[in-house]
Amino acid sequence: MSTHSYTLSGYGPQKKSAWGRLTARDSAVWRLDWVMVSAGVGLSIVGSLLVWSATRNRTDLNQGDPYYFLTRHVLSLLVGLLLMAGMVWLGHRRVRGAVPFLYGASVLLALLVLTPLGATINGQRAWLHLGGGFSLQPAEFIKITVILGMAMLLAARVDAGDREYPDHRTVLQALGLAAAPIVVIMLMPDLGSVMVMVIIVLGVLLASGASNRWIVGLCTAGTVGAVLVWALGLLDEYQINRFAAFANPALDPAGVGYNTNQARIAIGSGGLAGKGLFKGSQTTGQFVPEQQTDFVFTVAGEELGFLGGALIILLLGVVIWRACRIARESSELYSTVVAAGVIAWFAFQSFENIGMTLGIMPVAGLPLPFVSYGGTSMFAVWIALGLLQSIRVQRPVSA
């Protein structure tokens, strides 16, 4: 074992004190990507202010407490940070051994949503009510377990040195692992999460070195499948309305196009520097639905202006950029594939959420990572960040 390994584990002839191990240059704390962590915390703090602005006057939602959503959002952030720390402490390699259990548990939770235990919100039966005003959205955790499960399958023989890239049988097994929870999510139906899952699968396959024929085949199959779903009328009416409003923003501005039109009005009225926090007329007047969750970016556009919106996009870009560095510098395929899956998830979900508020993407009901209100979403993104940090911490010091 190398000297570095001795130091990292706290053993060896020159065993350091607890404080020495914590502050040493090769310790886990020192080796964390603090730029990424700072960007994530910055996004969540900005999100707290936006959520507070969107809900402080919503007596129909906040139970008469203007700090109701703010308090819960901050608590979710603190729990998320603890989950990230726990993931770093466990290590992504140790988590790898528990992937089958985690995958099964997440799929089971998703199946429970389809039972009487599930709750329907805005046409989607995607939540489990836990009591006390708390709910759980299993699809958020499925994103993580599918990334881990596919990475474990695709990298098993490659990291063992048996192959240079995954063979067709391995790729087929990985696709089967991803297909089962995607079908369950489609039954909810949660079209937004399905879109994210498809992008995650493509990102994971690209990073694994799988044959390009799989990528082309999946894209072709996805296109044909989407056409068939539309032609056979398998979408719910509210989903069809969302796509219709995206294709024609002027269609029924007081009905199916209302959300998108109000979102664009809010963002456009903010100008360069915005109207000021808590001073947005669209936000104060409660003209934009679901403004603390799916449409939180409209609060930034109206009250913080172009500069505030640009700051959010910049911080999201920093998180994704640092994740790309971690993926590139990883010494094993498993870690690279896990990082790539998280990158695909964060990048697409951020683009879709912001894009739907600007009218360049259809409304899909996806939260903005780190920013939107929602405990399950917050927990999931910080667990993912913990995985990335673990990959960085556990790589060789000389890397």
Protein backbone atom coordinates (compact mmCIF):
# COMPACT_ATOMS: atom_id res chain seq x y z
CA MET A 1 0.00 0.00 0.00
CA SER A 2 1.29 3.43 -0.89
CA THR A 3 2.08 6.17 1.62
CA HIS A 4 -0.89 8.13 0.31
CA SER A 5 -3.20 5.20 1.01
CA TYR A 6 -1.91 4.96 4.56
CA THR A 7 -2.53 8.65 5.13
CA LEU A 8 -6.00 8.61 3.61
CA SER A 9 -7.13 5.73 5.79
CA GLY A 10 -5.56 7.12 8.95
CA TYR A 11 -3.22 4.16 9.54
CA GLY A 12 0.51 3.67 9.24
CA PRO A 13 3.62 4.40 11.25
CA GLN A 14 2.83 8.15 11.55
CA LYS A 15 -0.84 8.07 12.46
CA LYS A 16 -2.23 11.61 12.59
CA SER A 17 -4.68 13.12 15.01
CA ALA A 18 -8.34 13.44 13.95
CA TRP A 19 -7.82 17.14 13.18
CA GLY A 20 -4.63 16.35 11.26
CA ARG A 21 -6.38 13.77 9.11
CA LEU A 22 -9.22 16.24 8.47
CA THR A 23 -7.01 19.12 7.37
CA ALA A 24 -4.21 17.21 5.59
CA ARG A 25 -3.84 17.96 1.89
CA ASP A 26 -4.69 14.37 0.97
CA SER A 27 -7.75 14.19 3.25
CA ALA A 28 -11.28 13.78 1.91
CA VAL A 29 -12.29 17.30 2.99
CA TRP A 30 -9.32 18.91 1.26
CA ARG A 31 -9.91 16.93 -1.94
CA LEU A 32 -13.60 17.79 -2.31
CA ASP A 33 -14.47 19.91 -5.31
CA TRP A 34 -15.40 23.01 -3.34
CA VAL A 35 -16.11 24.97 -6.52
CA MET A 36 -18.90 22.51 -7.37
CA VAL A 37 -20.22 22.44 -3.80
CA SER A 38 -20.21 26.24 -3.61
CA ALA A 39 -22.11 26.50 -6.90
CA GLY A 40 -24.71 24.00 -5.68
CA VAL A 41 -25.15 25.81 -2.36
CA GLY A 42 -25.35 29.15 -4.18
CA LEU A 43 -28.12 27.80 -6.42
CA SER A 44 -30.06 26.49 -3.42
CA ILE A 45 -29.74 29.79 -1.55
CA VAL A 46 -30.97 31.73 -4.57
CA GLY A 47 -33.74 29.16 -4.89
CA SER A 48 -34.72 29.75 -1.26
CA LEU A 49 -35.22 33.46 -1.93
CA LEU A 50 -37.20 32.77 -5.11
CA VAL A 51 -39.40 30.18 -3.40
CA TRP A 52 -40.00 32.60 -0.52
CA SER A 53 -40.96 35.39 -2.91
CA ALA A 54 -43.35 33.10 -4.80
CA THR A 55 -45.12 31.75 -1.70
CA ARG A 56 -44.99 34.33 1.10
CA ASN A 57 -48.38 35.79 0.04
CA ARG A 58 -49.94 32.47 -0.99
CA THR A 59 -52.24 31.97 1.99
CA ASP A 60 -53.99 29.21 0.04
CA LEU A 61 -50.74 27.22 0.12
CA ASN A 62 -48.63 28.36 3.09
CA GLN A 63 -51.20 27.70 5.82
CA GLY A 64 -51.00 31.30 6.91
CA ASP A 65 -47.25 31.20 7.53
CA PRO A 66 -45.24 33.33 5.05
CA TYR A 67 -42.09 31.39 6.00
CA TYR A 68 -43.67 27.94 5.50
CA PHE A 69 -42.06 27.10 2.14
CA LEU A 70 -38.83 28.96 2.92
CA THR A 71 -38.29 26.96 6.10
CA ARG A 72 -38.93 23.66 4.37
CA HIS A 73 -36.71 24.55 1.43
CA VAL A 74 -33.79 25.42 3.73
CA LEU A 75 -34.33 22.25 5.75
CA SER A 76 -34.29 20.23 2.52
CA LEU A 77 -30.98 21.89 1.62
CA LEU A 78 -29.47 21.00 5.00
CA VAL A 79 -30.63 17.39 4.71
CA GLY A 80 -29.29 17.33 1.16
CA LEU A 81 -25.86 18.46 2.37
CA LEU A 82 -25.88 15.70 5.00
CA LEU A 83 -26.80 13.16 2.32
CA MET A 84 -23.91 14.39 0.17
CA ALA A 85 -21.51 14.06 3.11
CA GLY A 86 -22.84 10.58 3.84
CA MET A 87 -22.33 9.56 0.23
CA VAL A 88 -18.72 10.81 0.32
CA TRP A 89 -18.13 8.94 3.58
CA LEU A 90 -19.59 5.70 2.18
CA GLY A 91 -17.82 6.05 -1.16
CA HIS A 92 -19.21 5.23 -4.58
CA ARG A 93 -17.37 1.89 -4.61
CA ARG A 94 -19.06 0.76 -1.39
CA VAL A 95 -22.41 1.95 -2.73
CA ARG A 96 -21.74 -0.16 -5.84
CA GLY A 97 -22.24 -3.32 -3.81
CA ALA A 98 -25.67 -2.16 -2.65
CA VAL A 99 -26.93 -1.16 -6.11
CA PRO A 100 -29.20 -4.22 -6.61
CA PHE A 101 -30.98 -3.48 -3.31
CA LEU A 102 -31.23 0.27 -4.01
CA TYR A 103 -32.56 -0.39 -7.51
CA GLY A 104 -35.19 -2.82 -6.25
CA ALA A 105 -36.26 -0.45 -3.47
CA SER A 106 -36.66 2.50 -5.84
CA VAL A 107 -38.72 0.48 -8.32
CA LEU A 108 -40.89 -0.83 -5.48
CA LEU A 109 -41.56 2.73 -4.28
CA ALA A 110 -42.51 3.69 -7.83
CA LEU A 111 -44.92 0.77 -8.04
CA LEU A 112 -46.55 1.86 -4.77
CA VAL A 113 -47.41 5.14 -6.47
CA LEU A 114 -49.76 3.19 -8.75
CA THR A 115 -51.63 1.78 -5.73
CA PRO A 116 -54.12 3.65 -3.52
CA LEU A 117 -51.09 4.95 -1.59
CA GLY A 118 -50.19 7.18 -4.52
CA ALA A 119 -51.30 10.80 -4.84
CA THR A 120 -52.24 12.69 -8.01
CA ILE A 121 -51.03 16.27 -8.46
CA ASN A 122 -51.59 18.24 -11.69
CA GLY A 123 -52.66 15.13 -13.57
CA GLN A 124 -49.65 13.06 -12.52
CA ARG A 125 -49.93 10.18 -10.08
CA ALA A 126 -46.26 10.47 -9.13
CA TRP A 127 -46.17 11.00 -5.35
CA LEU A 128 -46.45 9.01 -2.14
CA HIS A 129 -47.97 10.91 0.79
CA LEU A 130 -46.00 10.26 3.99
CA GLY A 131 -48.23 12.26 6.33
CA GLY A 132 -47.56 15.54 8.11
CA GLY A 133 -47.60 17.41 4.84
CA PHE A 134 -44.62 15.45 3.45
CA SER A 135 -44.58 13.52 0.20
CA LEU A 136 -42.06 11.49 -1.80
CA GLN A 137 -41.51 11.34 -5.57
CA PRO A 138 -39.82 7.98 -6.28
CA ALA A 139 -38.95 8.92 -9.88
CA GLU A 140 -36.23 11.23 -8.54
CA PHE A 141 -34.44 8.35 -6.82
CA ILE A 142 -34.91 6.07 -9.84
CA LYS A 143 -32.73 8.47 -11.84
CA ILE A 144 -29.88 7.71 -9.44
CA THR A 145 -30.35 3.96 -9.19
CA VAL A 146 -30.65 3.52 -12.96
CA ILE A 147 -27.39 5.42 -13.44
CA LEU A 148 -25.67 3.23 -10.83
CA GLY A 149 -27.20 0.00 -12.12
CA MET A 150 -26.32 0.62 -15.76
CA ALA A 151 -22.79 1.72 -14.80
CA MET A 152 -22.28 -1.45 -12.76
CA LEU A 153 -23.35 -3.69 -15.65
CA LEU A 154 -21.55 -1.83 -18.42
CA ALA A 155 -18.27 -1.45 -16.54
CA ALA A 156 -18.04 -4.83 -14.80
CA ARG A 157 -15.99 -6.69 -17.42
CA VAL A 158 -14.16 -3.59 -18.64
CA ASP A 159 -12.83 -2.60 -15.20
CA ALA A 160 -11.90 -6.25 -14.60
CA GLY A 161 -9.73 -6.11 -17.73
CA ASP A 162 -11.71 -8.75 -19.65
CA ARG A 163 -12.88 -6.37 -22.39
CA GLU A 164 -12.10 -2.92 -23.76
CA TYR A 165 -15.76 -1.94 -24.10
CA PRO A 166 -19.19 -3.44 -23.25
CA ASP A 167 -20.38 -6.17 -25.61
CA HIS A 168 -23.87 -6.27 -27.14
CA ARG A 169 -25.22 -8.67 -24.53
CA THR A 170 -24.11 -6.40 -21.69
CA VAL A 171 -25.66 -3.35 -23.36
CA LEU A 172 -28.93 -5.25 -23.80
CA GLN A 173 -28.94 -6.18 -20.11
CA ALA A 174 -28.32 -2.56 -19.15
CA LEU A 175 -31.17 -1.38 -21.36
CA GLY A 176 -33.45 -3.97 -19.78
CA LEU A 177 -32.53 -2.67 -16.35
CA ALA A 178 -33.46 0.86 -17.40
CA ALA A 179 -36.62 -0.15 -19.27
CA ALA A 180 -38.50 -1.57 -16.27
CA PRO A 181 -38.64 1.65 -14.18
CA ILE A 182 -39.22 3.76 -17.31
CA VAL A 183 -42.35 1.73 -18.04
CA VAL A 184 -43.54 2.25 -14.44
CA ILE A 185 -42.97 6.02 -14.71
CA MET A 186 -44.87 6.09 -18.01
CA LEU A 187 -47.85 4.50 -16.27
CA MET A 188 -48.06 7.35 -13.74
CA PRO A 189 -47.85 9.12 -16.30
CA ASP A 190 -44.80 11.35 -15.73
CA LEU A 191 -43.66 12.26 -19.24
CA GLY A 192 -41.05 14.74 -18.00
CA SER A 193 -39.21 12.13 -15.94
CA VAL A 194 -39.39 9.69 -18.86
CA MET A 195 -37.67 12.28 -21.06
CA VAL A 196 -34.91 12.70 -18.47
CA MET A 197 -34.48 8.94 -18.15
CA VAL A 198 -34.09 8.54 -21.92
CA ILE A 199 -31.37 11.22 -21.98
CA ILE A 200 -29.64 9.54 -19.02
CA VAL A 201 -29.62 6.19 -20.84
CA LEU A 202 -28.11 7.78 -23.96
CA GLY A 203 -25.48 9.63 -21.91
CA VAL A 204 -24.50 6.48 -20.03
CA LEU A 205 -24.18 4.43 -23.23
CA LEU A 206 -22.06 7.11 -24.92
CA ALA A 207 -19.70 7.28 -21.94
CA SER A 208 -19.40 3.48 -21.70
CA GLY A 209 -17.97 3.12 -25.19
CA ALA A 210 -20.89 1.03 -26.42
CA SER A 211 -21.23 0.66 -30.18
CA ASN A 212 -22.67 3.69 -31.95
CA ARG A 213 -25.19 1.35 -33.54
CA TRP A 214 -26.96 1.18 -30.18
CA ILE A 215 -27.20 4.97 -30.00
CA VAL A 216 -28.54 5.26 -33.55
CA GLY A 217 -30.93 2.37 -32.99
CA LEU A 218 -32.28 3.83 -29.75
CA CYS A 219 -32.78 7.27 -31.28
CA THR A 220 -34.61 5.72 -34.23
CA ALA A 221 -36.75 3.53 -31.97
CA GLY A 222 -37.53 6.51 -29.75
CA THR A 223 -38.66 8.60 -32.70
CA VAL A 224 -40.85 5.83 -34.08
CA GLY A 225 -42.26 5.15 -30.60
CA ALA A 226 -43.11 8.82 -30.04
CA VAL A 227 -44.95 8.97 -33.38
CA LEU A 228 -46.90 5.80 -32.55
CA VAL A 229 -47.82 7.04 -29.07
CA TRP A 230 -49.18 10.24 -30.60
CA ALA A 231 -50.94 8.50 -33.48
CA LEU A 232 -52.59 5.90 -31.24
CA GLY A 233 -53.80 8.53 -28.77
CA LEU A 234 -51.97 7.04 -25.79
CA LEU A 235 -51.20 10.43 -24.23
CA ASP A 236 -53.50 11.99 -21.66
CA GLU A 237 -55.42 15.08 -22.69
CA TYR A 238 -53.38 17.45 -20.53
CA GLN A 239 -50.16 16.13 -22.14
CA ILE A 240 -51.55 16.68 -25.63
CA ASN A 241 -52.58 20.20 -24.62
CA ARG A 242 -49.05 20.97 -23.43
CA PHE A 243 -47.53 19.97 -26.77
CA ALA A 244 -50.25 21.86 -28.63
CA ALA A 245 -49.50 25.01 -26.62
CA PHE A 246 -45.78 24.58 -27.34
CA ALA A 247 -46.38 24.23 -31.07
CA ASN A 248 -48.75 27.22 -31.12
CA PRO A 249 -48.26 29.64 -28.17
CA ALA A 250 -51.21 31.73 -29.36
CA LEU A 251 -53.55 28.74 -29.00
CA ASP A 252 -56.09 29.37 -26.23
CA PRO A 253 -54.00 31.88 -24.21
CA ALA A 254 -56.51 31.73 -21.37
CA GLY A 255 -56.48 27.91 -21.33
CA VAL A 256 -53.78 25.48 -22.47
CA GLY A 257 -51.36 28.27 -23.35
CA TYR A 258 -51.87 30.19 -20.12
CA ASN A 259 -48.84 28.88 -18.19
CA THR A 260 -46.37 29.51 -21.00
CA ASN A 261 -47.75 32.96 -21.86
CA GLN A 262 -47.71 34.14 -18.24
CA ALA A 263 -44.20 32.76 -17.76
CA ARG A 264 -42.89 34.68 -20.78
CA ILE A 265 -44.63 37.86 -19.62
CA ALA A 266 -43.03 37.54 -16.18
CA ILE A 267 -39.53 36.95 -17.54
CA GLY A 268 -39.82 39.62 -20.23
CA SER A 269 -41.01 42.27 -17.78
CA GLY A 270 -37.88 41.90 -15.65
CA GLY A 271 -35.57 43.60 -18.11
CA LEU A 272 -31.86 43.71 -17.34
CA ALA A 273 -31.79 44.01 -13.55
CA GLY A 274 -35.35 43.02 -12.63
CA LYS A 275 -38.01 44.75 -10.57
CA GLY A 276 -36.40 43.80 -7.27
CA LEU A 277 -36.91 40.86 -4.94
CA PHE A 278 -40.53 40.64 -3.70
CA LYS A 279 -41.56 43.39 -6.13
CA GLY A 280 -42.61 41.37 -9.17
CA SER A 281 -46.19 42.14 -10.18
CA GLN A 282 -46.67 38.77 -11.91
CA THR A 283 -45.31 36.95 -8.86
CA THR A 284 -47.15 39.03 -6.29
CA GLY A 285 -50.35 38.81 -8.32
CA GLN A 286 -50.01 35.01 -8.50
CA PHE A 287 -50.46 34.97 -12.28
CA VAL A 288 -47.93 32.16 -12.92
CA PRO A 289 -49.03 28.71 -11.66
CA GLU A 290 -46.63 26.39 -9.80
CA GLN A 291 -44.16 29.24 -9.46
CA GLN A 292 -42.29 27.78 -6.50
CA THR A 293 -41.66 24.48 -8.31
CA ASP A 294 -41.71 24.04 -12.10
CA PHE A 295 -41.82 27.77 -12.96
CA VAL A 296 -39.41 29.10 -10.32
CA PHE A 297 -37.18 30.56 -13.05
CA THR A 298 -39.94 33.07 -13.85
CA VAL A 299 -39.46 34.62 -10.40
CA ALA A 300 -35.78 35.10 -11.16
CA GLY A 301 -36.54 36.59 -14.58
CA GLU A 302 -39.08 39.07 -13.26
CA GLU A 303 -37.51 40.11 -9.95
CA LEU A 304 -33.78 39.65 -10.65
CA GLY A 305 -33.90 40.28 -14.40
CA PHE A 306 -31.57 39.02 -17.08
CA LEU A 307 -28.62 39.27 -14.69
CA GLY A 308 -30.29 37.08 -12.07
CA GLY A 309 -31.35 34.51 -14.64
CA ALA A 310 -27.85 34.51 -16.13
CA LEU A 311 -26.37 33.93 -12.66
CA ILE A 312 -28.51 30.81 -12.20
CA ILE A 313 -27.50 29.49 -15.62
CA LEU A 314 -23.84 30.27 -14.87
CA LEU A 315 -23.93 28.36 -11.56
CA LEU A 316 -25.62 25.39 -13.22
CA GLY A 317 -22.93 25.52 -15.89
CA VAL A 318 -20.22 25.47 -13.19
CA VAL A 319 -21.73 22.33 -11.62
CA ILE A 320 -21.86 20.58 -14.99
CA TRP A 321 -18.36 21.76 -15.97
CA ARG A 322 -16.84 20.43 -12.75
CA ALA A 323 -18.75 17.16 -13.22
CA CYS A 324 -17.23 16.85 -16.70
CA ARG A 325 -13.75 17.27 -15.18
CA ILE A 326 -14.45 14.52 -12.67
CA ALA A 327 -15.66 12.20 -15.43
CA ARG A 328 -12.62 12.94 -17.59
CA GLU A 329 -10.11 12.41 -14.77
CA SER A 330 -11.63 9.18 -13.47
CA SER A 331 -9.38 6.12 -13.69
CA GLU A 332 -12.17 3.51 -14.01
CA LEU A 333 -15.08 3.13 -16.40
CA TYR A 334 -17.65 2.67 -13.62
CA SER A 335 -16.88 6.11 -12.18
CA THR A 336 -16.82 7.72 -15.63
CA VAL A 337 -20.22 6.28 -16.53
CA VAL A 338 -21.78 7.34 -13.21
CA ALA A 339 -20.49 10.89 -13.69
CA ALA A 340 -21.72 10.95 -17.29
CA GLY A 341 -25.20 9.87 -16.20
CA VAL A 342 -25.37 12.70 -13.66
CA ILE A 343 -24.13 15.19 -16.26
CA ALA A 344 -26.80 14.12 -18.75
CA TRP A 345 -29.46 14.37 -16.04
CA PHE A 346 -28.50 17.82 -14.77
CA ALA A 347 -27.86 19.29 -18.22
CA PHE A 348 -31.09 18.14 -19.85
CA GLN A 349 -33.35 18.84 -16.87
CA SER A 350 -31.93 22.36 -16.50
CA PHE A 351 -32.36 23.06 -20.21
CA GLU A 352 -35.91 21.67 -20.25
CA ASN A 353 -37.01 23.59 -17.15
CA ILE A 354 -35.62 26.94 -18.25
CA GLY A 355 -36.61 26.29 -21.87
CA MET A 356 -40.27 25.70 -21.03
CA THR A 357 -40.47 29.04 -19.20
CA LEU A 358 -39.06 30.75 -22.30
CA GLY A 359 -41.37 28.88 -24.67
CA ILE A 360 -38.61 26.99 -26.49
CA MET A 361 -39.44 23.62 -24.88
CA PRO A 362 -42.79 21.99 -24.06
CA VAL A 363 -44.06 22.16 -20.47
CA ALA A 364 -42.97 18.90 -18.85
CA GLY A 365 -43.32 19.44 -15.11
CA LEU A 366 -39.65 19.11 -14.21
CA PRO A 367 -38.00 20.99 -11.30
CA LEU A 368 -34.93 23.16 -11.79
CA PRO A 369 -32.05 21.32 -10.05
CA PHE A 370 -31.05 22.83 -6.68
CA VAL A 371 -33.48 25.75 -7.15
CA SER A 372 -37.08 24.53 -7.29
CA TYR A 373 -39.03 23.72 -4.15
CA GLY A 374 -39.33 20.00 -3.49
CA GLY A 375 -37.66 17.82 -0.89
CA THR A 376 -37.26 14.66 -2.98
CA SER A 377 -35.73 16.60 -5.87
CA MET A 378 -33.34 18.40 -3.51
CA PHE A 379 -32.29 15.16 -1.84
CA ALA A 380 -31.70 13.44 -5.18
CA VAL A 381 -29.46 16.14 -6.68
CA TRP A 382 -27.32 16.35 -3.54
CA ILE A 383 -26.96 12.56 -3.41
CA ALA A 384 -25.82 12.75 -7.05
CA LEU A 385 -23.37 15.49 -6.11
CA GLY A 386 -22.11 13.24 -3.31
CA LEU A 387 -21.45 10.49 -5.84
CA LEU A 388 -19.42 12.91 -7.95
CA GLN A 389 -17.47 14.10 -4.92
CA SER A 390 -16.75 10.50 -3.90
CA ILE A 391 -15.37 9.76 -7.37
CA ARG A 392 -13.06 12.77 -7.04
CA VAL A 393 -11.99 11.97 -3.46
CA GLN A 394 -11.24 8.29 -4.10
CA ARG A 395 -9.18 8.74 -7.23
CA PRO A 396 -5.39 8.40 -6.86
CA VAL A 397 -3.77 11.49 -5.34
CA SER A 398 -1.37 11.79 -8.26
CA ALA A 399 -4.25 11.94 -10.77
